[in-house]
Amino acid sequence: MTATADRTGTRLVTGHRRLLEQLRADGVRHLFGNPGSSEEGLLDEIARFPEIDYVLGLQEAAVVCTADGYAQATGRPAVVLLHSGVGLGNAVGSLYHALHRQTPMLVLAGEAGVAYDALEAHMSVNLVDVARPVTKYAARVTHPGSLLRMIRRGLKVAATPPRGPVFLALPQDVLDRLADEPVVPTAVPDTRVVPEPAAIQAAARLFAAAQAPVILAGDGVAASGGVAELVRFAETWGATVHGAMASELVMPWTHPLWGGLTGHMFGTDSAALVARADAVLICGTYVFPDVFPALGEVFRPGAPVVHVDLDPYAIAKNHPVTAGLLGDPRLTLRALTGALDEAMTGPQRQAAAERVRRHGARSTAARDQARTGDLARSGTAPLGMAAVAACLADLLPDDAIIFDEALTNSPALTRWLPPDRPGHFFQTPGGTLGVGIPGAIGAKLAHPGRTVVGFTGDGGGMYTCQALWTAAHHRIAAKIVVCHNGGYQLLKENLARYRRDNDEEPDADFPAFFDVRDPRVDYVALATAMGVPAARVQHAADLPATLQTMLDHDGPYLVEAALA
């Protein structure tokens, strides 16, 4: 039963219908999922609800990453439906990724029912406890009178900075009951706040005399729409900008002041970027997002450090700061720029302009030198990533979207396809493999009229290759490039670094299990089996024709680039 009426004639429906009506009221048009038996009533209702498209995936890790790519590309919460403890368990790694890149997402998981709790029945598990470490908020709906309240709370929390995935467990016996809560759109609080003028002016005075300033910027800048404001502030200050936990564009990579990403492995590398800075601004991120972070102090003694974020937990989380400003990055950067311009003297402004010129000359020379080296190697075997990226740069339309999980091949990729506009580039911040294929598919679903190319490695691609079937099934025309070097190259590079740090021979033989060559994974056969046409390219001379075929194909397409 899905509907009835009370004595007054008011239409009453079960929680299944009410839930979908709430999602419709909030503009949700896609529900990403892999179906299971503990959500039968909801799945049945979805089939009778044409306003919401059920995007079918074959494995939950891929489902969540597809939804993640969709949420990144739209900036709105994606909604996922998982199956009980098993489905949630499969999705945990992908939820970890969504949590750390602050993806707005509402994840629902069906379970048999509250009535069965005491029986510890088959597939029973405390879903909230499983989800809590990898979500921003986790709860369970236990009464039909609070179903929509909990759904709205989940959407609100997911969309409120710092954004992130939210989890709700949905017992089927709760959804089976009649629900009379009114359906109203979710209210997401406006967090466009800015610190008081006195705090802004004090920060500007700390910054004005700096001669070697550095900015560390993260996804909070992108989420606030503050890229242009960051550029203007950096130019006014003459400061080098580094992306820290920046999976989206925070500054055009072609800008003279862009200094590159901090990386996410070794704290000594990140600390070196600020060791000589005589003033530091941290904005929209935390310091430092490394696997092996620096335990001691990272900033130069006496250097003023100002941290701007909408997340009070992130401010001064790991290292002391001079001032912490709770505020929207876009508005706060705009206010800081005006205050800094007033606080700086004429000679200080001239020195800032000179820093912009000098850094621009160095970065242009370094990029030109690297590209010259790429071109010198482009005609040789084996095929290099730079040749693939350079060819794509000539073929892609101006509004193309890149979803980058090329990892060790990302430097070559971004030399030839440098990110330069918001909404055109997304990248994994690291920590979870397998986001490249489904992320690109989700981004293409969000922007069906634009060309979307996703990059992954032959290792990472195996984690979520099931997403290729989803692309074929729903005719989502994402293009995928697999950078196939026959092994875990990132592990090799990190082990070589570990050996150097311990005074060992870095180029000694690597463990045999760092290679994936016997047998070598055949991505062309794998994609074809999933219903996606594919081709392998091994020589630079074959790149133009192969990549053009990929781009011209009316549907999803995969190219396996044999890089080694």
Protein backbone atom coordinates (compact mmCIF):
# COMPACT_ATOMS: atom_id res chain seq x y z
CA MET A 1 0.00 0.00 0.00
CA THR A 2 1.39 3.40 -0.97
CA ALA A 3 -1.60 5.71 -0.40
CA THR A 4 -4.85 6.08 1.53
CA ALA A 5 -6.91 8.93 3.01
CA ASP A 6 -8.00 10.02 6.46
CA ARG A 7 -11.57 10.99 7.46
CA THR A 8 -11.16 14.51 6.10
CA GLY A 9 -10.10 13.23 2.68
CA THR A 10 -6.47 14.26 3.12
CA ARG A 11 -4.23 12.00 1.04
CA LEU A 12 -1.89 9.92 3.17
CA VAL A 13 1.01 7.99 1.75
CA THR A 14 3.75 5.78 3.09
CA GLY A 15 7.23 6.99 3.90
CA HIS A 16 8.53 5.64 0.61
CA ARG A 17 6.45 8.12 -1.37
CA ARG A 18 6.98 10.97 1.08
CA LEU A 19 10.76 10.56 0.88
CA LEU A 20 10.72 10.86 -2.90
CA GLU A 21 8.38 13.83 -2.75
CA GLN A 22 10.85 15.53 -0.42
CA LEU A 23 13.74 14.87 -2.79
CA ARG A 24 11.69 16.24 -5.66
CA ALA A 25 10.91 19.38 -3.68
CA ASP A 26 14.65 19.87 -3.19
CA GLY A 27 15.40 19.59 -6.90
CA VAL A 28 16.95 16.12 -6.76
CA ARG A 29 16.75 14.56 -10.22
CA HIS A 30 19.12 11.60 -9.88
CA LEU A 31 19.33 8.85 -7.27
CA PHE A 32 22.54 6.81 -7.46
CA GLY A 33 22.31 3.26 -6.24
CA ASN A 34 22.77 -0.48 -6.33
CA PRO A 35 19.53 -2.22 -5.30
CA GLY A 36 19.13 -4.59 -2.36
CA SER A 37 16.39 -6.56 -0.65
CA SER A 38 16.06 -4.39 2.46
CA GLU A 39 14.85 -1.42 0.39
CA GLU A 40 12.28 -3.24 -1.73
CA GLY A 41 9.40 -0.85 -0.93
CA LEU A 42 11.44 2.23 -1.78
CA LEU A 43 12.83 0.69 -4.96
CA ASP A 44 9.30 -0.21 -6.03
CA GLU A 45 8.15 3.36 -5.44
CA ILE A 46 11.09 4.81 -7.38
CA ALA A 47 10.02 2.75 -10.39
CA ARG A 48 6.69 4.60 -10.28
CA PHE A 49 8.33 8.01 -9.81
CA PRO A 50 9.49 9.32 -13.21
CA GLU A 51 10.67 12.68 -11.84
CA ILE A 52 13.78 11.06 -10.36
CA ASP A 53 16.17 9.02 -12.50
CA TYR A 54 17.65 5.98 -10.74
CA VAL A 55 21.29 5.75 -11.87
CA LEU A 56 22.11 2.06 -11.61
CA GLY A 57 25.60 1.00 -10.56
CA LEU A 58 27.00 -2.49 -10.11
CA GLN A 59 29.19 -1.91 -7.05
CA GLU A 60 28.80 0.57 -4.22
CA ALA A 61 32.32 2.05 -4.28
CA ALA A 62 31.75 3.03 -7.91
CA VAL A 63 28.23 4.27 -7.16
CA VAL A 64 29.45 6.70 -4.49
CA CYS A 65 32.30 7.98 -6.69
CA THR A 66 29.88 8.56 -9.57
CA ALA A 67 27.65 10.56 -7.25
CA ASP A 68 30.77 12.36 -5.99
CA GLY A 69 31.68 13.47 -9.52
CA TYR A 70 28.12 14.64 -10.10
CA ALA A 71 28.11 16.65 -6.86
CA GLN A 72 31.48 18.21 -7.66
CA ALA A 73 30.30 19.28 -11.10
CA THR A 74 26.97 20.71 -9.90
CA GLY A 75 27.93 22.02 -6.47
CA ARG A 76 24.69 20.51 -5.11
CA PRO A 77 24.18 17.45 -2.89
CA ALA A 78 24.02 14.12 -4.69
CA VAL A 79 21.77 11.44 -3.20
CA VAL A 80 22.88 7.81 -2.94
CA LEU A 81 20.90 4.70 -1.94
CA LEU A 82 22.92 1.75 -0.62
CA HIS A 83 21.96 -1.71 0.58
CA SER A 84 22.28 -2.33 4.30
CA GLY A 85 25.62 -3.13 5.95
CA VAL A 86 27.16 -4.95 3.01
CA GLY A 87 26.55 -2.12 0.57
CA LEU A 88 27.68 0.49 3.07
CA GLY A 89 30.81 -1.53 3.78
CA ASN A 90 31.69 -1.60 0.09
CA ALA A 91 31.23 2.18 -0.06
CA VAL A 92 33.36 3.15 2.95
CA GLY A 93 36.54 3.89 0.98
CA SER A 94 34.67 6.14 -1.42
CA LEU A 95 32.94 7.90 1.45
CA TYR A 96 36.36 8.58 2.95
CA HIS A 97 37.25 10.34 -0.30
CA ALA A 98 34.00 12.35 -0.24
CA LEU A 99 34.56 13.38 3.37
CA HIS A 100 38.08 14.66 2.81
CA ARG A 101 37.25 16.56 -0.34
CA GLN A 102 34.08 17.90 1.36
CA THR A 103 31.61 16.63 -1.22
CA PRO A 104 27.96 17.49 -0.49
CA MET A 105 26.19 14.14 -0.48
CA LEU A 106 23.25 12.43 1.24
CA VAL A 107 23.82 8.68 1.56
CA LEU A 108 20.83 6.52 2.46
CA ALA A 109 21.01 2.84 3.34
CA GLY A 110 18.06 0.51 3.69
CA GLU A 111 17.76 -2.04 6.47
CA ALA A 112 15.10 -4.59 7.38
CA GLY A 113 13.48 -2.75 10.29
CA VAL A 114 13.56 -1.42 13.83
CA ALA A 115 11.32 -4.28 14.93
CA TYR A 116 14.09 -6.79 14.22
CA ASP A 117 16.87 -5.10 16.23
CA ALA A 118 16.76 -7.53 19.14
CA LEU A 119 17.00 -10.57 16.88
CA GLU A 120 20.38 -9.72 15.36
CA ALA A 121 19.04 -11.10 12.12
CA HIS A 122 20.90 -11.85 8.90
CA MET A 123 22.76 -8.76 7.57
CA SER A 124 22.04 -6.74 10.71
CA VAL A 125 24.74 -4.28 11.78
CA ASN A 126 24.83 -0.86 13.41
CA LEU A 127 24.93 1.16 10.22
CA VAL A 128 25.39 4.48 11.98
CA ASP A 129 28.54 3.24 13.73
CA VAL A 130 29.92 2.00 10.42
CA ALA A 131 29.24 5.31 8.65
CA ARG A 132 30.19 7.78 11.40
CA PRO A 133 34.01 7.81 10.82
CA VAL A 134 33.63 8.59 7.10
CA THR A 135 30.74 11.06 7.17
CA LYS A 136 30.06 14.53 8.50
CA TYR A 137 26.89 13.37 10.27
CA ALA A 138 25.27 9.94 10.68
CA ALA A 139 21.86 9.01 12.10
CA ARG A 140 18.99 6.55 11.86
CA VAL A 141 15.33 7.27 11.16
CA THR A 142 13.20 5.48 13.76
CA HIS A 143 9.72 7.01 13.35
CA PRO A 144 7.71 7.94 10.23
CA GLY A 145 6.79 11.28 11.83
CA SER A 146 10.43 12.40 11.59
CA LEU A 147 11.39 10.92 8.23
CA LEU A 148 11.27 14.15 6.23
CA ARG A 149 12.73 16.13 9.09
CA MET A 150 15.76 13.84 9.00
CA ILE A 151 16.02 13.98 5.21
CA ARG A 152 16.00 17.79 5.30
CA ARG A 153 18.53 17.80 8.12
CA GLY A 154 20.79 15.52 6.10
CA LEU A 155 20.58 17.70 2.98
CA LYS A 156 21.16 20.85 5.03
CA VAL A 157 24.20 19.49 6.85
CA ALA A 158 25.67 18.11 3.61
CA ALA A 159 25.33 21.47 1.84
CA THR A 160 26.48 23.73 4.69
CA PRO A 161 30.20 24.60 4.72
CA PRO A 162 32.31 22.74 5.47
CA ARG A 163 30.30 20.51 3.14
CA GLY A 164 30.49 16.73 3.29
CA PRO A 165 28.68 13.39 3.06
CA VAL A 166 25.82 12.69 5.48
CA PHE A 167 24.44 9.23 6.26
CA LEU A 168 20.91 8.15 7.17
CA ALA A 169 19.82 4.58 7.90
CA LEU A 170 16.29 3.86 6.65
CA PRO A 171 14.54 0.86 8.27
CA GLN A 172 11.96 -0.54 5.85
CA ASP A 173 9.28 -0.98 8.53
CA VAL A 174 9.49 2.76 9.24
CA LEU A 175 9.09 3.63 5.56
CA ASP A 176 6.20 1.16 5.23
CA ARG A 177 4.08 3.17 7.65
CA LEU A 178 1.86 6.08 6.67
CA ALA A 179 3.59 9.45 6.91
CA ASP A 180 1.80 12.77 7.23
CA GLU A 181 4.74 15.19 7.50
CA PRO A 182 4.38 18.14 5.11
CA VAL A 183 6.83 18.33 2.23
CA VAL A 184 8.69 21.66 2.24
CA PRO A 185 11.99 22.60 0.58
CA THR A 186 15.12 22.24 2.67
CA ALA A 187 16.52 25.50 4.04
CA VAL A 188 20.31 25.70 3.78
CA PRO A 189 21.76 28.50 5.93
CA ASP A 190 23.49 31.39 4.21
CA THR A 191 27.09 31.37 5.45
CA ARG A 192 28.27 34.39 3.45
CA VAL A 193 29.74 36.02 6.53
CA VAL A 194 32.81 38.21 6.81
CA PRO A 195 34.89 39.14 9.88
CA GLU A 196 34.38 42.58 11.38
CA PRO A 197 36.35 45.43 9.75
CA ALA A 198 38.75 45.79 12.67
CA ALA A 199 39.88 42.17 12.31
CA ILE A 200 40.33 42.60 8.55
CA GLN A 201 42.37 45.76 8.99
CA ALA A 202 44.55 44.15 11.67
CA ALA A 203 45.33 41.26 9.31
CA ALA A 204 46.16 43.70 6.51
CA ARG A 205 48.61 45.52 8.77
CA LEU A 206 50.31 42.21 9.57
CA PHE A 207 50.69 41.55 5.84
CA ALA A 208 51.65 44.95 4.45
CA ALA A 209 55.42 44.84 4.96
CA ALA A 210 55.92 41.22 3.83
CA GLN A 211 58.70 40.65 1.29
CA ALA A 212 58.26 36.89 0.82
CA PRO A 213 54.55 36.15 1.36
CA VAL A 214 52.90 32.78 0.68
CA ILE A 215 49.25 31.76 0.38
CA LEU A 216 47.98 28.22 1.05
CA ALA A 217 44.53 27.80 -0.52
CA GLY A 218 42.15 24.86 -0.61
CA ASP A 219 38.74 23.71 -1.78
CA GLY A 220 36.98 26.14 0.53
CA VAL A 221 38.01 28.89 -1.89
CA ALA A 222 36.44 27.02 -4.82
CA ALA A 223 33.29 26.18 -2.84
CA SER A 224 32.77 29.87 -2.05
CA GLY A 225 33.27 30.92 -5.66
CA GLY A 226 36.31 32.90 -4.57
CA VAL A 227 38.86 32.15 -7.31
CA ALA A 228 38.80 35.68 -8.78
CA GLU A 229 39.07 37.20 -5.30
CA LEU A 230 42.06 35.00 -4.45
CA VAL A 231 43.78 36.08 -7.67
CA ARG A 232 43.23 39.77 -6.91
CA PHE A 233 44.47 39.43 -3.34
CA ALA A 234 47.58 37.47 -4.41
CA GLU A 235 48.39 40.08 -7.06
CA THR A 236 47.96 42.93 -4.60
CA TRP A 237 50.22 41.19 -2.10
CA GLY A 238 52.66 39.71 -4.62
CA ALA A 239 52.31 36.32 -2.94
CA THR A 240 53.03 32.83 -4.27
CA VAL A 241 49.94 30.59 -4.08
CA HIS A 242 50.03 26.86 -3.34
CA GLY A 243 47.03 24.54 -3.41
CA ALA A 244 46.65 22.48 -0.22
CA MET A 245 43.96 19.79 -0.34
CA ALA A 246 42.78 21.51 -3.51
CA SER A 247 40.86 19.09 -5.71
CA GLU A 248 39.27 21.93 -7.68
CA LEU A 249 40.74 25.03 -9.27
CA VAL A 250 41.61 27.67 -6.66
CA MET A 251 43.78 29.75 -9.03
CA PRO A 252 44.54 29.41 -12.75
CA TRP A 253 47.63 27.23 -13.09
CA THR A 254 48.86 29.56 -15.83
CA HIS A 255 48.90 32.55 -13.48
CA PRO A 256 52.35 34.00 -12.72
CA LEU A 257 51.85 33.51 -8.95
CA TRP A 258 50.68 29.89 -9.04
CA GLY A 259 53.26 27.78 -7.23
CA GLY A 260 51.65 24.34 -7.60
CA LEU A 261 50.14 21.87 -5.15
CA THR A 262 51.70 21.13 -1.79
CA GLY A 263 51.40 17.39 -2.34
CA HIS A 264 50.05 15.08 0.31
CA MET A 265 52.78 12.62 1.25
CA PHE A 266 55.69 14.21 3.13
CA GLY A 267 55.41 17.04 5.61
CA THR A 268 59.00 18.07 5.00
CA ASP A 269 58.07 18.97 1.42
CA SER A 270 55.08 21.06 2.51
CA ALA A 271 57.04 22.75 5.30
CA ALA A 272 59.74 23.76 2.82
CA LEU A 273 57.18 25.83 0.89
CA VAL A 274 56.63 28.15 3.85
CA ALA A 275 60.01 27.91 5.61
CA ARG A 276 61.24 31.26 4.21
CA ALA A 277 57.88 33.02 4.06
CA ASP A 278 57.75 36.13 6.23
CA ALA A 279 53.93 36.13 6.18
CA VAL A 280 51.40 33.40 5.39
CA LEU A 281 47.70 33.38 4.59
CA ILE A 282 45.86 30.05 4.88
CA CYS A 283 42.45 30.09 3.21
CA GLY A 284 39.82 27.38 2.77
CA THR A 285 41.97 24.46 3.91
CA TYR A 286 43.94 23.10 6.84
CA VAL A 287 47.70 22.77 7.29
CA PHE A 288 49.10 20.38 6.22
CA PRO A 289 47.26 17.49 4.54
CA ASP A 290 50.20 15.06 4.42
CA VAL A 291 50.35 11.31 5.02
CA PHE A 292 53.56 11.85 7.02
CA PRO A 293 53.08 15.39 8.34
CA ALA A 294 55.68 17.57 9.99
CA LEU A 295 55.36 17.25 13.76
CA GLY A 296 57.30 20.39 14.66
CA GLU A 297 56.58 24.00 13.83
CA VAL A 298 56.52 24.70 10.10
CA PHE A 299 56.38 28.50 9.94
CA ARG A 300 59.30 30.89 10.16
CA PRO A 301 59.69 32.27 13.71
CA GLY A 302 57.99 35.62 13.99
CA ALA A 303 56.17 35.38 10.66
CA PRO A 304 52.50 36.39 10.96
CA VAL A 305 50.09 33.61 9.98
CA VAL A 306 46.41 34.38 9.32
CA HIS A 307 43.93 31.55 8.77
CA VAL A 308 40.58 32.20 7.02
CA ASP A 309 37.91 29.50 6.85
CA LEU A 310 34.23 28.80 7.42
CA ASP A 311 35.23 25.74 9.45
CA PRO A 312 36.36 26.79 12.94
CA TYR A 313 37.80 23.31 13.51
CA ALA A 314 40.22 23.76 10.60
CA ILE A 315 41.58 27.09 11.90
CA ALA A 316 44.81 26.52 13.87
CA LYS A 317 43.97 22.82 13.84
CA ASN A 318 47.59 21.63 13.76
CA HIS A 319 49.84 24.69 14.05
CA PRO A 320 49.56 28.00 15.90
CA VAL A 321 48.42 31.05 13.96
CA THR A 322 48.60 34.76 14.67
CA ALA A 323 44.95 35.37 13.83
CA GLY A 324 42.04 33.12 12.93
CA LEU A 325 39.21 34.67 10.91
CA LEU A 326 35.92 32.81 10.62
CA GLY A 327 34.46 33.91 7.30
CA ASP A 328 33.46 33.09 3.75
CA PRO A 329 36.67 32.94 1.70
CA ARG A 330 35.29 34.97 -1.22
CA LEU A 331 33.97 37.85 0.87
CA THR A 332 36.89 37.80 3.29
CA LEU A 333 39.47 37.84 0.49
CA ARG A 334 37.65 40.75 -1.12
CA ALA A 335 37.71 42.69 2.14
CA LEU A 336 41.36 41.81 2.79
CA THR A 337 42.36 43.06 -0.66
CA GLY A 338 40.84 46.47 -0.05
CA ALA A 339 42.33 46.73 3.42
CA LEU A 340 45.76 45.59 2.24
CA ASP A 341 45.79 48.08 -0.61
CA GLU A 342 45.13 50.86 1.91
CA ALA A 343 47.73 49.56 4.38
CA MET A 344 50.58 49.21 1.86
CA THR A 345 52.87 52.11 1.04
CA GLY A 346 53.83 53.04 -2.51
CA PRO A 347 57.21 51.24 -2.31
CA GLN A 348 55.50 48.15 -0.87
CA ARG A 349 53.08 48.09 -3.80
CA GLN A 350 55.98 48.40 -6.24
CA ALA A 351 57.80 45.54 -4.49
CA ALA A 352 54.66 43.37 -4.75
CA ALA A 353 54.40 44.06 -8.48
CA GLU A 354 58.06 43.14 -8.89
CA ARG A 355 57.45 39.84 -7.08
CA VAL A 356 54.64 39.08 -9.52
CA ARG A 357 56.96 39.78 -12.45
CA ARG A 358 59.87 37.71 -11.08
CA HIS A 359 57.76 34.71 -10.14
CA GLY A 360 55.99 34.82 -13.48
CA ALA A 361 59.29 34.80 -15.36
CA ARG A 362 60.55 31.82 -13.33
CA SER A 363 57.35 29.79 -13.71
CA THR A 364 57.14 30.48 -17.45
CA ALA A 365 60.76 29.44 -17.94
CA ALA A 366 60.26 26.25 -15.92
CA ARG A 367 57.10 25.34 -17.83
CA ASP A 368 58.74 26.03 -21.20
CA GLN A 369 61.77 23.94 -20.23
CA ALA A 370 59.57 21.03 -19.16
CA ARG A 371 57.54 21.21 -22.36
CA THR A 372 60.71 21.30 -24.44
CA GLY A 373 61.83 18.11 -22.72
CA ASP A 374 58.41 16.57 -23.36
CA LEU A 375 58.63 17.37 -27.07
CA ALA A 376 62.15 15.95 -27.31
CA ARG A 377 60.87 12.63 -25.94
CA SER A 378 57.51 12.62 -27.73
CA GLY A 379 58.63 10.59 -30.73
CA THR A 380 60.45 7.95 -28.74
CA ALA A 381 59.22 4.69 -27.25
CA PRO A 382 57.63 3.96 -24.88
CA LEU A 383 54.70 6.31 -25.21
CA GLY A 384 54.77 9.17 -22.68
CA MET A 385 51.89 10.88 -20.96
CA ALA A 386 53.06 14.27 -22.23
CA ALA A 387 52.45 13.14 -25.81
CA VAL A 388 48.91 12.05 -24.92
CA ALA A 389 48.16 15.33 -23.14
CA ALA A 390 49.71 17.49 -25.87
CA CYS A 391 47.62 15.77 -28.51
CA LEU A 392 44.44 16.16 -26.48
CA ALA A 393 45.22 19.84 -25.97
CA ASP A 394 44.97 20.28 -29.75
CA LEU A 395 41.69 18.33 -30.00
CA LEU A 396 39.55 19.24 -27.01
CA PRO A 397 36.86 21.91 -27.24
CA ASP A 398 37.30 25.04 -25.15
CA ASP A 399 34.65 24.08 -22.58
CA ALA A 400 35.94 20.55 -21.91
CA ILE A 401 36.01 19.21 -18.35
CA ILE A 402 39.01 17.22 -17.08
CA PHE A 403 38.67 14.77 -14.19
CA ASP A 404 42.20 13.88 -13.16
CA GLU A 405 43.27 10.73 -11.35
CA ALA A 406 46.42 10.27 -13.41
CA LEU A 407 48.51 10.60 -10.21
CA THR A 408 52.16 10.13 -11.24
CA ASN A 409 51.18 11.24 -14.74
CA SER A 410 49.30 14.33 -13.55
CA PRO A 411 52.31 16.70 -13.89
CA ALA A 412 52.62 15.93 -17.61
CA LEU A 413 48.85 16.09 -18.05
CA THR A 414 48.53 19.52 -16.45
CA ARG A 415 51.56 20.94 -18.27
CA TRP A 416 49.69 20.54 -21.54
CA LEU A 417 46.15 20.91 -20.22
CA PRO A 418 46.69 23.46 -17.43
CA PRO A 419 43.56 24.16 -15.36
CA ASP A 420 42.60 27.77 -15.89
CA ARG A 421 38.87 28.18 -15.15
CA PRO A 422 36.55 27.13 -12.32
CA GLY A 423 34.32 24.18 -13.15
CA HIS A 424 36.65 22.83 -15.86
CA PHE A 425 39.01 20.74 -13.72
CA PHE A 426 38.55 18.24 -10.89
CA GLN A 427 41.24 16.16 -9.26
CA THR A 428 41.49 13.52 -6.57
CA PRO A 429 43.04 14.92 -3.38
CA GLY A 430 44.49 11.47 -2.71
CA GLY A 431 43.75 8.78 -0.17
CA THR A 432 41.27 6.73 -2.20
CA LEU A 433 41.96 5.06 -5.52
CA GLY A 434 39.34 4.59 -8.19
CA VAL A 435 37.69 8.01 -8.40
CA GLY A 436 38.73 8.81 -11.99
CA ILE A 437 36.36 6.66 -14.05
CA PRO A 438 33.16 7.14 -12.01
CA GLY A 439 34.02 10.78 -11.25
CA ALA A 440 34.16 11.60 -14.95
CA ILE A 441 30.89 9.73 -15.54
CA GLY A 442 29.21 11.73 -12.77
CA ALA A 443 30.56 15.00 -14.16
CA LYS A 444 29.27 14.11 -17.63
CA LEU A 445 25.84 13.30 -16.20
CA ALA A 446 25.87 16.78 -14.66
CA HIS A 447 26.94 18.43 -17.94
CA PRO A 448 25.65 16.28 -20.82
CA GLY A 449 26.38 18.98 -23.40
CA ARG A 450 30.10 19.26 -22.59
CA THR A 451 33.05 17.00 -23.37
CA VAL A 452 34.29 15.26 -20.20
CA VAL A 453 37.55 13.30 -20.16
CA GLY A 454 38.53 11.29 -17.11
CA PHE A 455 42.04 10.00 -16.43
CA THR A 456 42.98 7.08 -14.23
CA GLY A 457 45.78 4.57 -13.85
CA ASP A 458 45.73 0.86 -14.53
CA GLY A 459 45.82 0.31 -10.76
CA GLY A 460 43.15 2.81 -9.74
CA GLY A 461 40.88 1.87 -12.60
CA MET A 462 40.41 -1.64 -11.26
CA TYR A 463 38.76 -0.38 -8.09
CA THR A 464 35.69 1.03 -9.82
CA CYS A 465 35.72 -0.28 -13.40
CA GLN A 466 32.07 -1.33 -12.88
CA ALA A 467 31.18 2.31 -13.52
CA LEU A 468 31.86 1.70 -17.21
CA TRP A 469 28.73 -0.47 -17.31
CA THR A 470 26.73 2.40 -15.78
CA ALA A 471 27.98 4.73 -18.52
CA ALA A 472 26.99 2.25 -21.21
CA HIS A 473 23.62 1.44 -19.61
CA HIS A 474 22.59 5.09 -19.19
CA ARG A 475 24.39 6.25 -22.34
CA ILE A 476 26.54 8.73 -20.44
CA ALA A 477 29.14 9.78 -23.00
CA ALA A 478 32.15 10.28 -20.74
CA LYS A 479 35.58 9.66 -22.30
CA ILE A 480 38.13 7.71 -20.26
CA VAL A 481 41.91 7.53 -20.67
CA VAL A 482 43.68 4.78 -18.72
CA CYS A 483 47.36 5.56 -18.12
CA HIS A 484 48.61 1.97 -18.28
CA ASN A 485 52.15 1.55 -17.00
CA GLY A 486 51.70 -1.98 -15.68
CA GLY A 487 52.06 -1.28 -11.97
CA TYR A 488 51.78 0.93 -8.94
CA GLN A 489 54.18 3.68 -9.98
CA LEU A 490 53.24 5.92 -7.06
CA LEU A 491 54.32 3.22 -4.62
CA LYS A 492 57.65 2.93 -6.40
CA GLU A 493 58.27 6.67 -6.22
CA ASN A 494 57.32 6.82 -2.55
CA LEU A 495 59.50 3.82 -1.70
CA ALA A 496 62.44 5.41 -3.50
CA ARG A 497 61.90 8.55 -1.41
CA TYR A 498 61.71 6.45 1.77
CA ARG A 499 64.98 4.74 0.89
CA ARG A 500 66.73 8.06 0.24
CA ASP A 501 65.52 9.42 3.56
CA ASN A 502 67.01 6.36 5.26
CA ASP A 503 70.31 6.47 3.35
CA GLU A 504 69.48 3.41 1.30
CA GLU A 505 69.85 2.79 -2.43
CA PRO A 506 66.68 4.32 -3.95
CA ASP A 507 66.91 2.49 -7.27
CA ALA A 508 67.24 -1.02 -5.89
CA ASP A 509 64.73 -3.56 -7.16
CA PHE A 510 61.18 -2.88 -6.09
CA PRO A 511 58.95 -5.58 -4.60
CA ALA A 512 57.52 -7.78 -7.33
CA PHE A 513 53.98 -7.06 -6.15
CA PHE A 514 54.37 -3.40 -7.16
CA ASP A 515 53.89 -4.61 -10.75
CA VAL A 516 50.60 -5.67 -12.35
CA ARG A 517 51.94 -7.34 -15.48
CA ASP A 518 51.42 -11.08 -15.21
CA PRO A 519 48.86 -11.05 -16.63
CA ARG A 520 48.66 -7.48 -17.85
CA VAL A 521 45.13 -6.12 -17.44
CA ASP A 522 43.49 -5.70 -20.84
CA TYR A 523 41.40 -2.55 -20.48
CA VAL A 524 40.15 -2.72 -24.04
CA ALA A 525 38.65 -6.14 -23.42
CA LEU A 526 37.39 -5.06 -20.01
CA ALA A 527 35.65 -1.96 -21.35
CA THR A 528 34.18 -3.87 -24.27
CA ALA A 529 32.77 -6.46 -21.88
CA MET A 530 31.06 -3.60 -20.01
CA GLY A 531 29.52 -2.28 -23.24
CA VAL A 532 31.98 0.59 -23.76
CA PRO A 533 33.95 0.75 -27.06
CA ALA A 534 37.69 1.00 -26.53
CA ALA A 535 41.06 1.19 -28.24
CA ARG A 536 44.69 0.80 -27.24
CA VAL A 537 47.38 3.24 -28.34
CA GLN A 538 51.09 2.43 -28.08
CA HIS A 539 52.79 4.92 -30.42
CA ALA A 540 52.69 8.70 -30.54
CA ALA A 541 51.99 8.64 -34.26
CA ASP A 542 48.67 6.88 -33.60
CA LEU A 543 47.46 9.35 -30.99
CA PRO A 544 45.64 11.90 -33.21
CA ALA A 545 43.45 9.34 -34.93
CA THR A 546 42.75 7.30 -31.78
CA LEU A 547 41.90 10.28 -29.60
CA GLN A 548 39.77 11.89 -32.31
CA THR A 549 37.79 8.67 -32.63
CA MET A 550 37.24 8.73 -28.87
CA LEU A 551 36.01 12.33 -28.92
CA ASP A 552 33.78 11.83 -31.98
CA HIS A 553 32.08 8.71 -30.63
CA ASP A 554 28.45 9.29 -29.65
CA GLY A 555 28.65 7.61 -26.26
CA PRO A 556 31.19 6.51 -23.66
CA TYR A 557 34.60 5.50 -24.97
CA LEU A 558 37.85 4.31 -23.38
CA VAL A 559 41.43 4.65 -24.59
CA GLU A 560 44.13 2.57 -23.00
CA ALA A 561 47.42 4.46 -23.31
CA ALA A 562 50.26 1.93 -23.08
CA LEU A 563 52.82 4.09 -21.30
CA ALA A 564 55.25 1.32 -20.40
